[in-house]
Amino acid sequence: MPQPLIALLFLAFALPARPASANPSAFKVDAVQASGLTRAQAKELLVVVLRHEKYKLNAPGVFVDGDLYDDKGNPPHPGYYDFSVGSDSPKEGATNYAGLFSVSVLTGDVWEINLCKRFAFPLLHKIQAAIMRRTGKTLAQESSERKGLGCTDE
């Protein structure tokens, strides 16, 4: 079985569900500045997406890593924060990766870039609309940055 599929199966079936008390809509849009999302805010938004997509993030070893930079300290995709999601498995002696995600600084647009999957659901659209009101930017205005992901718009 291919490693990415094993990692997805691990995350889908081996990890406990998030507690009912966790509030996926707790993203604090009022804290977003006109300059856009901070890395921490982008990670919070990604967690909203991952929970919506039924990733079970509460088990030991599961991580959302946001320290992705090129050899000059720049993000690999200008205008986006990049995060890898996976799990460390001491039993297997390996790290399993479930995906590479990019979050737009100015719009909150979220992609899994290995699959070229753009995430869209009502709560995310609501958060993104509020982010765009605060930044004054639209998805259309960042089309050149989006091309840098290597994925095409739907």
Protein backbone atom coordinates (compact mmCIF):
# COMPACT_ATOMS: atom_id res chain seq x y z
CA MET A 1 0.00 0.00 0.00
CA PRO A 2 1.47 3.45 -0.90
CA GLN A 3 2.80 5.51 2.04
CA PRO A 4 0.39 8.50 1.57
CA LEU A 5 -2.58 6.13 1.66
CA ILE A 6 -1.25 4.45 4.79
CA ALA A 7 -0.83 7.85 6.44
CA LEU A 8 -4.38 8.89 5.54
CA LEU A 9 -5.78 5.61 6.82
CA PHE A 10 -3.81 6.05 10.03
CA LEU A 11 -5.22 9.54 10.56
CA ALA A 12 -8.73 8.50 9.58
CA PHE A 13 -9.07 5.42 11.76
CA ALA A 14 -6.45 5.34 14.49
CA LEU A 15 -6.93 8.73 16.08
CA PRO A 16 -9.68 9.68 18.52
CA ALA A 17 -12.38 12.09 17.46
CA ARG A 18 -12.11 15.67 18.66
CA PRO A 19 -13.99 16.45 21.86
CA ALA A 20 -17.53 17.73 21.42
CA SER A 21 -16.52 20.89 23.29
CA ALA A 22 -14.02 21.92 20.58
CA ASN A 23 -15.48 24.80 18.58
CA PRO A 24 -14.30 24.81 14.96
CA SER A 25 -15.83 28.23 14.40
CA ALA A 26 -13.73 29.85 17.14
CA PHE A 27 -11.42 31.51 14.58
CA LYS A 28 -11.02 35.14 15.70
CA VAL A 29 -11.52 37.19 12.54
CA ASP A 30 -11.46 40.45 14.50
CA ALA A 31 -7.76 39.88 15.24
CA VAL A 32 -6.83 39.79 11.52
CA GLN A 33 -4.94 42.92 10.47
CA ALA A 34 -5.22 44.68 7.09
CA SER A 35 -1.83 43.17 6.22
CA GLY A 36 -3.35 39.69 6.44
CA LEU A 37 -3.06 36.56 8.52
CA THR A 38 -0.14 35.85 10.79
CA ARG A 39 1.40 32.36 10.65
CA ALA A 40 -0.41 31.50 13.89
CA GLN A 41 -3.76 32.68 12.48
CA ALA A 42 -3.19 30.72 9.26
CA LYS A 43 -2.51 27.61 11.35
CA GLU A 44 -5.72 28.21 13.33
CA LEU A 45 -7.66 28.49 10.07
CA LEU A 46 -6.05 25.29 8.78
CA VAL A 47 -7.13 23.51 11.96
CA VAL A 48 -10.74 24.62 11.26
CA VAL A 49 -10.42 23.03 7.81
CA LEU A 50 -8.77 19.85 9.09
CA ARG A 51 -11.47 19.35 11.71
CA HIS A 52 -14.17 19.91 9.09
CA GLU A 53 -12.45 17.30 6.91
CA LYS A 54 -12.55 14.87 9.86
CA TYR A 55 -8.82 14.83 10.55
CA LYS A 56 -8.50 13.68 14.13
CA LEU A 57 -5.84 15.94 15.56
CA ASN A 58 -5.85 14.98 19.25
CA ALA A 59 -3.74 11.81 19.28
CA PRO A 60 -0.13 11.68 20.43
CA GLY A 61 2.30 12.16 17.58
CA VAL A 62 -0.03 14.13 15.28
CA PHE A 63 1.42 17.46 14.19
CA VAL A 64 0.77 20.51 12.07
CA ASP A 65 4.22 21.83 11.16
CA GLY A 66 4.48 25.39 9.91
CA ASP A 67 8.25 25.77 9.66
CA LEU A 68 8.43 25.36 5.89
CA TYR A 69 10.91 27.66 4.16
CA ASP A 70 13.33 27.52 1.25
CA ASP A 71 17.11 27.67 1.72
CA LYS A 72 16.94 31.50 1.92
CA GLY A 73 14.31 31.55 4.66
CA ASN A 74 11.42 32.44 2.33
CA PRO A 75 8.12 30.58 2.17
CA PRO A 76 7.97 28.18 -0.78
CA HIS A 77 4.78 29.81 -2.06
CA PRO A 78 4.78 33.63 -1.87
CA GLY A 79 1.56 34.95 -0.37
CA TYR A 80 0.89 31.69 1.46
CA TYR A 81 1.89 29.97 4.67
CA ASP A 82 2.71 26.30 4.14
CA PHE A 83 2.08 23.54 6.66
CA SER A 84 2.72 19.82 6.65
CA VAL A 85 0.35 17.55 8.55
CA GLY A 86 1.35 14.12 9.73
CA SER A 87 2.06 11.85 12.62
CA ASP A 88 5.13 10.40 14.28
CA SER A 89 4.85 6.69 14.91
CA PRO A 90 7.42 5.36 17.38
CA LYS A 91 6.01 1.87 16.85
CA GLU A 92 6.75 2.04 13.13
CA GLY A 93 9.84 4.19 13.64
CA ALA A 94 8.59 6.59 10.99
CA THR A 95 6.86 9.85 10.30
CA ASN A 96 3.76 9.58 8.14
CA TYR A 97 2.66 12.64 6.21
CA ALA A 98 -1.01 13.22 5.43
CA GLY A 99 -0.61 16.33 3.32
CA LEU A 100 0.96 19.66 2.50
CA PHE A 101 -1.36 22.61 2.97
CA SER A 102 -1.11 26.25 1.88
CA VAL A 103 -3.14 29.08 3.44
CA SER A 104 -3.39 32.47 1.73
CA VAL A 105 -2.21 35.39 3.84
CA LEU A 106 -4.74 37.83 2.33
CA THR A 107 -7.88 35.75 1.73
CA GLY A 108 -7.69 32.62 3.88
CA ASP A 109 -7.89 30.44 0.74
CA VAL A 110 -6.81 26.91 1.77
CA TRP A 111 -5.32 24.22 -0.50
CA GLU A 112 -3.85 20.76 -0.11
CA ILE A 113 -1.23 21.23 -2.78
CA ASN A 114 -0.13 17.62 -3.32
CA LEU A 115 -3.70 16.84 -4.40
CA CYS A 116 -4.44 20.36 -5.74
CA LYS A 117 -7.57 20.33 -3.59
CA ARG A 118 -9.14 23.65 -2.65
CA PHE A 119 -11.28 23.53 0.47
CA ALA A 120 -14.74 25.04 0.43
CA PHE A 121 -17.59 24.77 2.91
CA PRO A 122 -20.01 27.32 4.42
CA LEU A 123 -18.12 28.09 7.64
CA LEU A 124 -14.84 28.52 5.75
CA HIS A 125 -16.52 30.82 3.21
CA LYS A 126 -17.89 32.93 6.07
CA ILE A 127 -14.45 33.23 7.70
CA GLN A 128 -12.78 33.97 4.34
CA ALA A 129 -15.32 36.70 3.53
CA ALA A 130 -14.55 38.35 6.87
CA ILE A 131 -10.78 38.06 6.27
CA MET A 132 -11.16 39.64 2.82
CA ARG A 133 -13.20 42.50 4.28
CA ARG A 134 -10.37 43.18 6.75
CA THR A 135 -7.58 42.93 4.14
CA GLY A 136 -9.49 44.55 1.27
CA LYS A 137 -8.33 41.74 -1.06
CA THR A 138 -10.28 39.24 -3.13
CA LEU A 139 -9.54 35.82 -4.57
CA ALA A 140 -9.39 37.39 -8.04
CA GLN A 141 -6.70 39.83 -6.88
CA GLU A 142 -4.39 37.03 -5.78
CA SER A 143 -4.66 34.84 -8.87
CA SER A 144 -0.96 35.27 -9.69
CA GLU A 145 0.04 34.00 -6.22
CA ARG A 146 -2.36 31.08 -6.60
CA LYS A 147 -0.64 30.06 -9.86
CA GLY A 148 2.54 29.67 -7.80
CA LEU A 149 0.92 26.74 -5.97
CA GLY A 150 0.99 24.74 -9.19
CA CYS A 151 -2.76 24.12 -9.00
CA THR A 152 -5.45 25.58 -11.21
CA ASP A 153 -8.61 27.28 -10.02
CA GLU A 154 -11.75 25.18 -10.13
